[in-house]
């Protein structure tokens, strides 16, 4: 891992307060391009991306999303086509792997957003039925999560991370590295 990539990862934070400033479509498409190149189990690529940029629709989705805050100018619905995933990769692809793939796409998008000076926040607390209806999604499309996107109005809070000694072990539970 390059120092630049690790620095980028360390600087990514959830942003919940945004400037009242539109995000150009070209930047939004760059984010989706980053998502498109995320890993995908068996290369199924069942993800679908809905960029919500209409201010009225953003406000309506916000009404049904208690986890959303900060009045973002853009909301991205990261979805999975569960029917397609099932046809290409079976039950596991439809029920589990499509969600994992969407999560990896979300991380790529969030990291690319940081590199472009944008803030994001992943949201899972939303009224699924209401947001589905607002977006007019067909039954086979599942909303995996929402991402708020915009220009941060301040530096996001840096939360502490657990030390490696607390989360890492080698080979067996609680063993340390033997190649030192």
N, C-alpha and C. Protein backbone atom coordinates (compact mmCIF):
# COMPACT_ATOMS: atom_id res chain seq x y z
N UNK A 1 0.85 -1.17 0.00
CA UNK A 1 0.00 0.00 0.00
C UNK A 1 0.90 1.23 0.00
N UNK A 2 0.63 2.13 -0.89
CA UNK A 2 1.44 3.34 -0.94
C UNK A 2 1.05 4.27 0.20
N UNK A 3 1.99 5.14 0.56
CA UNK A 3 1.70 6.12 1.61
C UNK A 3 0.52 7.00 1.21
N UNK A 4 0.43 7.34 -0.09
CA UNK A 4 -0.66 8.19 -0.55
C UNK A 4 -2.01 7.51 -0.34
N UNK A 5 -2.09 6.23 -0.64
CA UNK A 5 -3.35 5.51 -0.48
C UNK A 5 -3.72 5.39 1.01
N UNK A 6 -2.75 5.06 1.83
CA UNK A 6 -3.02 4.95 3.26
C UNK A 6 -3.43 6.31 3.84
N UNK A 7 -2.78 7.37 3.40
CA UNK A 7 -3.16 8.73 3.85
C UNK A 7 -4.59 9.04 3.45
N UNK A 8 -4.95 8.69 2.23
CA UNK A 8 -6.31 8.90 1.75
C UNK A 8 -7.31 8.13 2.61
N UNK A 9 -6.99 6.87 2.90
CA UNK A 9 -7.87 6.04 3.74
C UNK A 9 -8.02 6.63 5.14
N UNK A 10 -6.92 7.12 5.69
CA UNK A 10 -6.96 7.70 7.03
C UNK A 10 -7.72 9.02 7.07
N UNK A 11 -7.78 9.71 5.94
CA UNK A 11 -8.48 11.00 5.92
C UNK A 11 -9.97 10.87 5.61
N UNK A 12 -10.43 9.69 5.19
CA UNK A 12 -11.85 9.50 4.92
C UNK A 12 -12.62 9.45 6.23
N UNK A 13 -13.58 10.31 6.35
CA UNK A 13 -14.43 10.37 7.54
C UNK A 13 -15.87 10.56 7.09
N UNK A 14 -16.79 10.16 7.92
CA UNK A 14 -18.21 10.41 7.63
C UNK A 14 -18.49 11.90 7.78
N UNK A 15 -19.05 12.47 6.75
CA UNK A 15 -19.36 13.90 6.72
C UNK A 15 -20.87 14.07 6.82
N UNK A 16 -21.31 14.82 7.79
CA UNK A 16 -22.75 15.00 8.00
C UNK A 16 -23.20 16.45 7.83
N UNK A 17 -22.30 17.33 7.43
CA UNK A 17 -22.65 18.74 7.22
C UNK A 17 -22.03 19.20 5.91
N UNK A 18 -22.88 19.72 5.04
CA UNK A 18 -22.45 20.04 3.69
C UNK A 18 -22.73 21.50 3.35
N UNK A 19 -21.92 22.04 2.45
CA UNK A 19 -22.16 23.36 1.90
C UNK A 19 -23.35 23.30 0.95
N UNK A 20 -24.04 24.40 0.82
CA UNK A 20 -25.15 24.49 -0.14
C UNK A 20 -24.55 24.79 -1.51
N UNK A 21 -23.95 23.77 -2.09
CA UNK A 21 -23.22 23.91 -3.35
C UNK A 21 -23.42 22.65 -4.17
N UNK A 22 -23.84 22.82 -5.41
CA UNK A 22 -24.07 21.68 -6.30
C UNK A 22 -22.76 20.97 -6.62
N UNK A 23 -22.86 19.66 -6.80
CA UNK A 23 -21.71 18.85 -7.22
C UNK A 23 -21.86 18.61 -8.72
N UNK A 24 -20.87 18.98 -9.51
CA UNK A 24 -20.98 18.79 -10.97
C UNK A 24 -21.18 17.32 -11.34
N UNK A 25 -21.99 17.11 -12.35
CA UNK A 25 -22.28 15.74 -12.83
C UNK A 25 -21.00 15.00 -13.19
N UNK A 26 -20.01 15.68 -13.74
CA UNK A 26 -18.76 15.03 -14.13
C UNK A 26 -18.07 14.41 -12.91
N UNK A 27 -18.08 15.11 -11.76
CA UNK A 27 -17.49 14.56 -10.55
C UNK A 27 -18.30 13.37 -10.05
N UNK A 28 -19.63 13.47 -10.13
CA UNK A 28 -20.48 12.36 -9.69
C UNK A 28 -20.24 11.12 -10.55
N UNK A 29 -20.07 11.32 -11.83
CA UNK A 29 -19.80 10.19 -12.72
C UNK A 29 -18.43 9.58 -12.44
N UNK A 30 -17.48 10.40 -12.01
CA UNK A 30 -16.16 9.89 -11.61
C UNK A 30 -16.31 8.99 -10.38
N UNK A 31 -17.18 9.38 -9.46
CA UNK A 31 -17.43 8.54 -8.29
C UNK A 31 -17.99 7.18 -8.69
N UNK A 32 -18.95 7.20 -9.61
CA UNK A 32 -19.56 5.94 -10.05
C UNK A 32 -18.54 5.09 -10.79
N UNK A 33 -17.66 5.73 -11.53
CA UNK A 33 -16.59 4.99 -12.21
C UNK A 33 -15.72 4.28 -11.19
N UNK A 34 -15.42 4.93 -10.07
CA UNK A 34 -14.65 4.29 -9.00
C UNK A 34 -15.41 3.09 -8.44
N UNK A 35 -16.72 3.22 -8.26
CA UNK A 35 -17.54 2.12 -7.78
C UNK A 35 -17.57 0.96 -8.75
N UNK A 36 -17.60 1.29 -10.02
CA UNK A 36 -17.66 0.27 -11.08
C UNK A 36 -16.43 -0.62 -11.09
N UNK A 37 -15.31 -0.12 -10.58
CA UNK A 37 -14.08 -0.91 -10.57
C UNK A 37 -13.81 -1.59 -9.24
N UNK A 38 -14.82 -1.67 -8.39
CA UNK A 38 -14.69 -2.41 -7.14
C UNK A 38 -14.68 -3.91 -7.44
N UNK A 39 -14.15 -4.71 -6.53
CA UNK A 39 -14.23 -6.16 -6.71
C UNK A 39 -15.69 -6.62 -6.74
N UNK A 40 -15.92 -7.71 -7.43
CA UNK A 40 -17.26 -8.29 -7.51
C UNK A 40 -17.13 -9.81 -7.54
N UNK A 41 -17.82 -10.48 -6.62
CA UNK A 41 -17.76 -11.93 -6.55
C UNK A 41 -18.16 -12.54 -7.89
N UNK A 42 -17.31 -13.41 -8.42
CA UNK A 42 -17.52 -14.05 -9.73
C UNK A 42 -17.77 -13.03 -10.84
N UNK A 43 -17.35 -11.80 -10.61
CA UNK A 43 -17.51 -10.70 -11.58
C UNK A 43 -18.96 -10.49 -11.99
N UNK A 44 -19.89 -10.74 -11.08
CA UNK A 44 -21.32 -10.60 -11.39
C UNK A 44 -21.70 -9.14 -11.63
N UNK A 45 -21.15 -8.22 -10.86
CA UNK A 45 -21.41 -6.79 -11.01
C UNK A 45 -22.92 -6.48 -11.02
N UNK A 46 -23.60 -6.93 -10.00
CA UNK A 46 -25.06 -6.74 -9.92
C UNK A 46 -25.45 -5.36 -9.39
N UNK A 47 -24.47 -4.52 -9.14
CA UNK A 47 -24.77 -3.20 -8.57
C UNK A 47 -25.46 -2.28 -9.57
N UNK A 48 -26.24 -1.39 -9.03
CA UNK A 48 -26.89 -0.30 -9.77
C UNK A 48 -26.74 0.95 -8.91
N UNK A 49 -26.56 2.09 -9.54
CA UNK A 49 -26.32 3.34 -8.83
C UNK A 49 -27.34 4.38 -9.25
N UNK A 50 -28.04 4.96 -8.30
CA UNK A 50 -29.01 6.01 -8.59
C UNK A 50 -28.55 7.29 -7.90
N UNK A 51 -28.10 8.26 -8.68
CA UNK A 51 -27.70 9.56 -8.16
C UNK A 51 -28.93 10.45 -8.06
N UNK A 52 -29.24 10.86 -6.86
CA UNK A 52 -30.41 11.72 -6.62
C UNK A 52 -29.89 13.14 -6.48
N UNK A 53 -30.15 13.94 -7.52
CA UNK A 53 -29.64 15.31 -7.56
C UNK A 53 -30.75 16.35 -7.57
N UNK A 54 -31.97 15.94 -7.86
CA UNK A 54 -33.09 16.87 -7.85
C UNK A 54 -33.35 17.30 -6.41
N UNK A 55 -33.23 18.59 -6.10
CA UNK A 55 -33.37 19.04 -4.70
C UNK A 55 -34.68 18.61 -4.04
N UNK A 56 -35.77 18.60 -4.79
CA UNK A 56 -37.05 18.19 -4.22
C UNK A 56 -37.03 16.71 -3.86
N UNK A 57 -36.46 15.88 -4.72
CA UNK A 57 -36.37 14.45 -4.44
C UNK A 57 -35.39 14.17 -3.30
N UNK A 58 -34.28 14.92 -3.26
CA UNK A 58 -33.33 14.78 -2.15
C UNK A 58 -34.07 15.06 -0.83
N UNK A 59 -34.86 16.12 -0.79
CA UNK A 59 -35.60 16.48 0.42
C UNK A 59 -36.59 15.38 0.81
N UNK A 60 -37.27 14.80 -0.18
CA UNK A 60 -38.24 13.74 0.10
C UNK A 60 -37.55 12.48 0.64
N UNK A 61 -36.43 12.10 0.04
CA UNK A 61 -35.68 10.94 0.53
C UNK A 61 -35.20 11.22 1.95
N UNK A 62 -34.75 12.43 2.19
CA UNK A 62 -34.29 12.84 3.52
C UNK A 62 -35.39 12.66 4.57
N UNK A 63 -36.63 12.95 4.21
CA UNK A 63 -37.75 12.80 5.14
C UNK A 63 -37.92 11.37 5.63
N UNK A 64 -37.52 10.41 4.82
CA UNK A 64 -37.68 8.99 5.16
C UNK A 64 -36.35 8.34 5.55
N UNK A 65 -35.36 9.16 5.87
CA UNK A 65 -34.04 8.64 6.19
C UNK A 65 -33.51 9.29 7.46
N UNK A 66 -33.86 8.73 8.63
CA UNK A 66 -33.43 9.36 9.88
C UNK A 66 -31.92 9.41 10.05
N UNK A 67 -31.18 8.55 9.38
CA UNK A 67 -29.72 8.57 9.49
C UNK A 67 -29.08 9.66 8.66
N UNK A 68 -29.84 10.25 7.77
CA UNK A 68 -29.33 11.30 6.89
C UNK A 68 -29.38 12.63 7.63
N UNK A 69 -28.37 13.46 7.45
CA UNK A 69 -28.41 14.78 8.04
C UNK A 69 -27.50 15.70 7.25
N UNK A 70 -27.56 16.97 7.55
CA UNK A 70 -26.66 17.93 6.93
C UNK A 70 -27.10 18.45 5.58
N UNK A 71 -28.30 18.09 5.16
CA UNK A 71 -28.84 18.56 3.88
C UNK A 71 -27.85 18.40 2.72
N UNK A 72 -27.51 17.17 2.39
CA UNK A 72 -26.56 16.96 1.29
C UNK A 72 -27.18 17.36 -0.04
N UNK A 73 -26.37 17.88 -0.96
CA UNK A 73 -26.91 18.22 -2.28
C UNK A 73 -27.18 16.99 -3.14
N UNK A 74 -26.54 15.87 -2.79
CA UNK A 74 -26.69 14.64 -3.57
C UNK A 74 -26.85 13.46 -2.61
N UNK A 75 -27.72 12.55 -2.99
CA UNK A 75 -27.81 11.26 -2.30
C UNK A 75 -27.60 10.19 -3.37
N UNK A 76 -26.75 9.24 -3.07
CA UNK A 76 -26.52 8.11 -3.96
C UNK A 76 -27.16 6.87 -3.35
N UNK A 77 -28.08 6.27 -4.08
CA UNK A 77 -28.64 4.98 -3.67
C UNK A 77 -27.81 3.90 -4.36
N UNK A 78 -27.11 3.12 -3.55
CA UNK A 78 -26.34 1.99 -4.09
C UNK A 78 -27.22 0.77 -3.95
N UNK A 79 -27.54 0.18 -5.09
CA UNK A 79 -28.52 -0.90 -5.15
C UNK A 79 -27.90 -2.16 -5.74
N UNK A 80 -28.61 -3.25 -5.59
CA UNK A 80 -28.23 -4.53 -6.21
C UNK A 80 -29.42 -5.08 -6.97
N UNK A 81 -29.14 -5.61 -8.14
CA UNK A 81 -30.16 -6.33 -8.90
C UNK A 81 -30.09 -7.79 -8.45
N UNK A 82 -30.93 -8.13 -7.48
CA UNK A 82 -30.88 -9.46 -6.87
C UNK A 82 -31.26 -10.57 -7.85
N UNK A 83 -32.18 -10.29 -8.75
CA UNK A 83 -32.58 -11.30 -9.74
C UNK A 83 -31.41 -11.63 -10.67
N UNK A 84 -30.77 -10.61 -11.17
CA UNK A 84 -29.60 -10.78 -12.04
C UNK A 84 -28.49 -11.53 -11.30
N UNK A 85 -28.23 -11.13 -10.05
CA UNK A 85 -27.19 -11.78 -9.25
C UNK A 85 -27.50 -13.27 -9.08
N UNK A 86 -28.76 -13.60 -8.83
CA UNK A 86 -29.15 -14.99 -8.67
C UNK A 86 -28.96 -15.80 -9.94
N UNK A 87 -29.30 -15.22 -11.08
CA UNK A 87 -29.13 -15.91 -12.35
C UNK A 87 -27.66 -16.15 -12.68
N UNK A 88 -26.82 -15.18 -12.35
CA UNK A 88 -25.40 -15.28 -12.67
C UNK A 88 -24.59 -16.07 -11.65
N UNK A 89 -25.01 -16.00 -10.37
CA UNK A 89 -24.16 -16.60 -9.35
C UNK A 89 -24.86 -17.44 -8.31
N UNK A 90 -26.16 -17.67 -8.49
CA UNK A 90 -26.89 -18.53 -7.55
C UNK A 90 -27.40 -17.79 -6.33
N UNK A 91 -27.88 -18.60 -5.38
CA UNK A 91 -28.53 -18.05 -4.18
C UNK A 91 -27.55 -17.21 -3.36
N UNK A 92 -26.34 -17.67 -3.19
CA UNK A 92 -25.36 -16.91 -2.39
C UNK A 92 -25.11 -15.54 -3.02
N UNK A 93 -25.01 -15.49 -4.32
CA UNK A 93 -24.79 -14.20 -5.00
C UNK A 93 -25.96 -13.26 -4.77
N UNK A 94 -27.16 -13.80 -4.83
CA UNK A 94 -28.36 -12.98 -4.67
C UNK A 94 -28.56 -12.51 -3.23
N UNK A 95 -28.34 -13.40 -2.28
CA UNK A 95 -28.68 -13.09 -0.89
C UNK A 95 -27.54 -12.49 -0.07
N UNK A 96 -26.29 -12.74 -0.48
CA UNK A 96 -25.16 -12.28 0.34
C UNK A 96 -24.14 -11.48 -0.48
N UNK A 97 -23.67 -12.06 -1.56
CA UNK A 97 -22.54 -11.48 -2.29
C UNK A 97 -22.89 -10.15 -2.96
N UNK A 98 -24.12 -9.97 -3.39
CA UNK A 98 -24.51 -8.70 -4.00
C UNK A 98 -24.36 -7.56 -2.99
N UNK A 99 -24.70 -7.83 -1.74
CA UNK A 99 -24.56 -6.82 -0.69
C UNK A 99 -23.08 -6.52 -0.42
N UNK A 100 -22.27 -7.56 -0.38
CA UNK A 100 -20.83 -7.37 -0.16
C UNK A 100 -20.24 -6.58 -1.32
N UNK A 101 -20.61 -6.92 -2.55
CA UNK A 101 -20.12 -6.20 -3.72
C UNK A 101 -20.50 -4.72 -3.66
N UNK A 102 -21.74 -4.45 -3.28
CA UNK A 102 -22.20 -3.06 -3.18
C UNK A 102 -21.42 -2.31 -2.11
N UNK A 103 -21.08 -3.00 -1.03
CA UNK A 103 -20.29 -2.39 0.04
C UNK A 103 -18.88 -2.04 -0.43
N UNK A 104 -18.28 -2.93 -1.21
CA UNK A 104 -16.95 -2.64 -1.74
C UNK A 104 -17.01 -1.48 -2.74
N UNK A 105 -18.07 -1.41 -3.54
CA UNK A 105 -18.24 -0.28 -4.45
C UNK A 105 -18.39 1.01 -3.65
N UNK A 106 -19.14 0.95 -2.55
CA UNK A 106 -19.34 2.13 -1.71
C UNK A 106 -18.00 2.64 -1.17
N UNK A 107 -17.14 1.73 -0.73
CA UNK A 107 -15.84 2.15 -0.21
C UNK A 107 -15.01 2.82 -1.29
N UNK A 108 -14.99 2.23 -2.49
CA UNK A 108 -14.27 2.87 -3.60
C UNK A 108 -14.80 4.28 -3.84
N UNK A 109 -16.11 4.42 -3.83
CA UNK A 109 -16.75 5.72 -4.08
C UNK A 109 -16.38 6.72 -2.98
N UNK A 110 -16.41 6.27 -1.73
CA UNK A 110 -16.08 7.17 -0.62
C UNK A 110 -14.62 7.61 -0.67
N UNK A 111 -13.72 6.71 -1.05
CA UNK A 111 -12.31 7.08 -1.15
C UNK A 111 -12.08 8.04 -2.32
N UNK A 112 -12.71 7.79 -3.43
CA UNK A 112 -12.59 8.70 -4.57
C UNK A 112 -13.16 10.07 -4.22
N UNK A 113 -14.24 10.09 -3.46
CA UNK A 113 -14.84 11.36 -3.05
C UNK A 113 -13.84 12.19 -2.24
N UNK A 114 -13.13 11.54 -1.32
CA UNK A 114 -12.12 12.26 -0.53
C UNK A 114 -11.07 12.87 -1.45
N UNK A 115 -10.64 12.09 -2.44
CA UNK A 115 -9.60 12.59 -3.35
C UNK A 115 -10.08 13.78 -4.17
N UNK A 116 -11.39 13.91 -4.34
CA UNK A 116 -11.97 15.02 -5.12
C UNK A 116 -12.44 16.18 -4.23
N UNK A 117 -12.17 16.08 -2.93
CA UNK A 117 -12.58 17.15 -2.03
C UNK A 117 -14.03 17.09 -1.60
N UNK A 118 -14.65 15.93 -1.77
CA UNK A 118 -16.05 15.75 -1.39
C UNK A 118 -16.15 14.96 -0.09
N UNK A 119 -17.25 15.16 0.62
CA UNK A 119 -17.54 14.40 1.81
C UNK A 119 -18.66 13.43 1.54
N UNK A 120 -18.69 12.33 2.28
CA UNK A 120 -19.74 11.32 2.15
C UNK A 120 -20.11 10.78 3.52
N UNK A 121 -21.27 10.18 3.58
CA UNK A 121 -21.67 9.44 4.78
C UNK A 121 -22.56 8.29 4.34
N UNK A 122 -22.20 7.08 4.74
CA UNK A 122 -23.00 5.89 4.42
C UNK A 122 -24.17 5.82 5.39
N UNK A 123 -25.36 5.60 4.84
CA UNK A 123 -26.60 5.59 5.63
C UNK A 123 -27.34 4.28 5.39
N UNK A 124 -27.66 3.59 6.46
CA UNK A 124 -28.48 2.38 6.35
C UNK A 124 -29.84 2.58 7.01
N UNK A 125 -29.97 3.62 7.82
CA UNK A 125 -31.26 3.85 8.50
C UNK A 125 -32.16 4.73 7.62
N UNK A 126 -32.97 4.04 6.82
CA UNK A 126 -33.94 4.72 5.97
C UNK A 126 -35.15 3.80 5.83
N UNK A 127 -36.27 4.40 5.51
CA UNK A 127 -37.49 3.63 5.30
C UNK A 127 -37.42 3.04 3.89
N UNK A 128 -37.09 1.77 3.82
CA UNK A 128 -36.86 1.12 2.55
C UNK A 128 -38.06 1.23 1.61
N UNK A 129 -39.25 0.95 2.10
CA UNK A 129 -40.45 0.98 1.25
C UNK A 129 -40.69 2.37 0.69
N UNK A 130 -40.53 3.39 1.52
CA UNK A 130 -40.78 4.76 1.07
C UNK A 130 -39.75 5.20 0.05
N UNK A 131 -38.47 4.93 0.31
CA UNK A 131 -37.43 5.34 -0.63
C UNK A 131 -37.56 4.57 -1.94
N UNK A 132 -37.89 3.29 -1.86
CA UNK A 132 -38.11 2.49 -3.08
C UNK A 132 -39.21 3.12 -3.94
N UNK A 133 -40.28 3.52 -3.27
CA UNK A 133 -41.40 4.12 -3.98
C UNK A 133 -41.00 5.45 -4.63
N UNK A 134 -40.27 6.27 -3.89
CA UNK A 134 -39.82 7.55 -4.43
C UNK A 134 -38.93 7.37 -5.66
N UNK A 135 -38.10 6.33 -5.64
CA UNK A 135 -37.17 6.08 -6.74
C UNK A 135 -37.77 5.20 -7.84
N UNK A 136 -39.00 4.74 -7.61
CA UNK A 136 -39.71 3.90 -8.59
C UNK A 136 -38.91 2.66 -8.97
N UNK A 137 -38.38 1.98 -7.95
CA UNK A 137 -37.54 0.81 -8.20
C UNK A 137 -38.38 -0.43 -8.47
N UNK A 138 -37.96 -1.25 -9.44
CA UNK A 138 -38.64 -2.53 -9.67
C UNK A 138 -38.33 -3.50 -8.53
N UNK A 139 -39.13 -4.55 -8.39
CA UNK A 139 -39.00 -5.47 -7.24
C UNK A 139 -37.64 -6.13 -7.08
N UNK A 140 -36.94 -6.41 -8.16
CA UNK A 140 -35.67 -7.13 -8.05
C UNK A 140 -34.50 -6.24 -7.61
N UNK A 141 -34.73 -4.93 -7.57
CA UNK A 141 -33.67 -4.00 -7.17
C UNK A 141 -33.77 -3.73 -5.67
N UNK A 142 -32.69 -4.02 -4.96
CA UNK A 142 -32.63 -3.83 -3.50
C UNK A 142 -31.72 -2.65 -3.19
N UNK A 143 -32.19 -1.72 -2.37
CA UNK A 143 -31.32 -0.63 -1.92
C UNK A 143 -30.41 -1.19 -0.83
N UNK A 144 -29.13 -1.14 -1.07
CA UNK A 144 -28.17 -1.65 -0.09
C UNK A 144 -27.83 -0.57 0.93
N UNK A 145 -27.59 0.64 0.45
CA UNK A 145 -27.35 1.76 1.35
C UNK A 145 -27.44 3.06 0.58
N UNK A 146 -27.57 4.13 1.33
CA UNK A 146 -27.56 5.47 0.77
C UNK A 146 -26.25 6.14 1.16
N UNK A 147 -25.72 6.95 0.26
CA UNK A 147 -24.55 7.77 0.56
C UNK A 147 -24.93 9.22 0.37
N UNK A 148 -24.74 10.03 1.40
CA UNK A 148 -24.88 11.47 1.22
C UNK A 148 -23.55 11.95 0.64
N UNK A 149 -23.64 12.90 -0.29
CA UNK A 149 -22.46 13.40 -0.99
C UNK A 149 -22.55 14.91 -1.12
N UNK A 150 -21.44 15.58 -0.87
CA UNK A 150 -21.38 17.02 -1.06
C UNK A 150 -20.05 17.57 -0.61
N UNK A 151 -19.94 18.88 -0.69
CA UNK A 151 -18.74 19.55 -0.21
C UNK A 151 -18.87 19.76 1.29
N UNK A 152 -17.92 19.28 2.08
CA UNK A 152 -18.01 19.43 3.53
C UNK A 152 -18.01 20.90 3.95
N UNK A 153 -18.79 21.24 4.96
CA UNK A 153 -18.78 22.62 5.44
C UNK A 153 -17.76 22.81 6.56
N UNK A 154 -17.14 21.73 7.00
CA UNK A 154 -16.09 21.78 8.02
C UNK A 154 -15.33 20.46 7.96
N UNK A 155 -14.18 20.41 8.62
CA UNK A 155 -13.45 19.16 8.68
C UNK A 155 -14.22 18.18 9.55
N UNK A 156 -14.50 16.99 9.03
CA UNK A 156 -15.23 15.99 9.83
C UNK A 156 -14.43 15.57 11.06
N UNK A 157 -15.14 15.17 12.07
CA UNK A 157 -14.55 14.70 13.33
C UNK A 157 -13.71 13.45 13.06
N UNK A 158 -12.53 13.43 13.61
CA UNK A 158 -11.66 12.26 13.46
C UNK A 158 -11.88 11.35 14.66
N UNK A 159 -12.43 10.19 14.41
CA UNK A 159 -12.66 9.23 15.49
C UNK A 159 -11.43 8.35 15.67
N UNK A 160 -11.20 7.96 16.89
CA UNK A 160 -10.05 7.12 17.20
C UNK A 160 -10.26 5.71 16.67
N UNK A 161 -9.19 5.06 16.33
CA UNK A 161 -9.20 3.67 15.89
C UNK A 161 -8.50 2.83 16.94
N UNK A 162 -8.95 1.60 17.08
CA UNK A 162 -8.31 0.68 18.02
C UNK A 162 -6.89 0.39 17.55
N UNK A 163 -5.96 0.17 18.49
CA UNK A 163 -4.59 -0.16 18.09
C UNK A 163 -4.53 -1.55 17.46
N UNK A 164 -3.53 -1.77 16.61
CA UNK A 164 -3.37 -3.07 15.95
C UNK A 164 -3.30 -4.21 16.96
N UNK A 165 -2.62 -3.98 18.08
CA UNK A 165 -2.47 -5.04 19.08
C UNK A 165 -3.82 -5.55 19.59
N UNK A 166 -4.82 -4.72 19.49
CA UNK A 166 -6.13 -5.09 19.99
C UNK A 166 -6.98 -5.83 18.95
N UNK A 167 -6.64 -5.71 17.69
CA UNK A 167 -7.50 -6.28 16.64
C UNK A 167 -6.80 -7.32 15.76
N UNK A 168 -5.49 -7.48 15.89
CA UNK A 168 -4.73 -8.34 14.99
C UNK A 168 -4.16 -9.55 15.72
N UNK A 169 -4.29 -10.71 15.07
CA UNK A 169 -3.57 -11.89 15.54
C UNK A 169 -3.12 -12.69 14.33
N UNK A 170 -2.12 -13.54 14.53
CA UNK A 170 -1.55 -14.34 13.45
C UNK A 170 -1.87 -15.81 13.68
N UNK A 171 -2.32 -16.47 12.64
CA UNK A 171 -2.50 -17.92 12.60
C UNK A 171 -3.54 -18.48 13.56
N UNK A 172 -3.43 -18.18 14.83
CA UNK A 172 -4.37 -18.67 15.84
C UNK A 172 -4.71 -17.54 16.78
N UNK A 173 -5.81 -17.66 17.45
CA UNK A 173 -6.30 -16.63 18.37
C UNK A 173 -5.21 -16.19 19.34
N UNK A 174 -4.96 -14.90 19.36
CA UNK A 174 -4.05 -14.23 20.31
C UNK A 174 -2.57 -14.52 20.07
N UNK A 175 -2.19 -15.11 18.93
CA UNK A 175 -0.79 -15.30 18.62
C UNK A 175 -0.23 -14.07 17.94
N UNK A 176 1.07 -13.81 18.11
CA UNK A 176 1.73 -12.66 17.48
C UNK A 176 2.61 -13.17 16.34
N UNK A 177 3.18 -12.25 15.62
CA UNK A 177 4.01 -12.57 14.47
C UNK A 177 5.26 -13.33 14.90
N UNK A 178 5.59 -14.37 14.15
CA UNK A 178 6.78 -15.17 14.47
C UNK A 178 7.95 -14.84 13.54
N UNK A 179 7.75 -13.96 12.58
CA UNK A 179 8.79 -13.62 11.59
C UNK A 179 9.45 -12.28 11.88
N UNK A 180 9.62 -11.93 13.12
CA UNK A 180 10.17 -10.60 13.44
C UNK A 180 11.68 -10.63 13.46
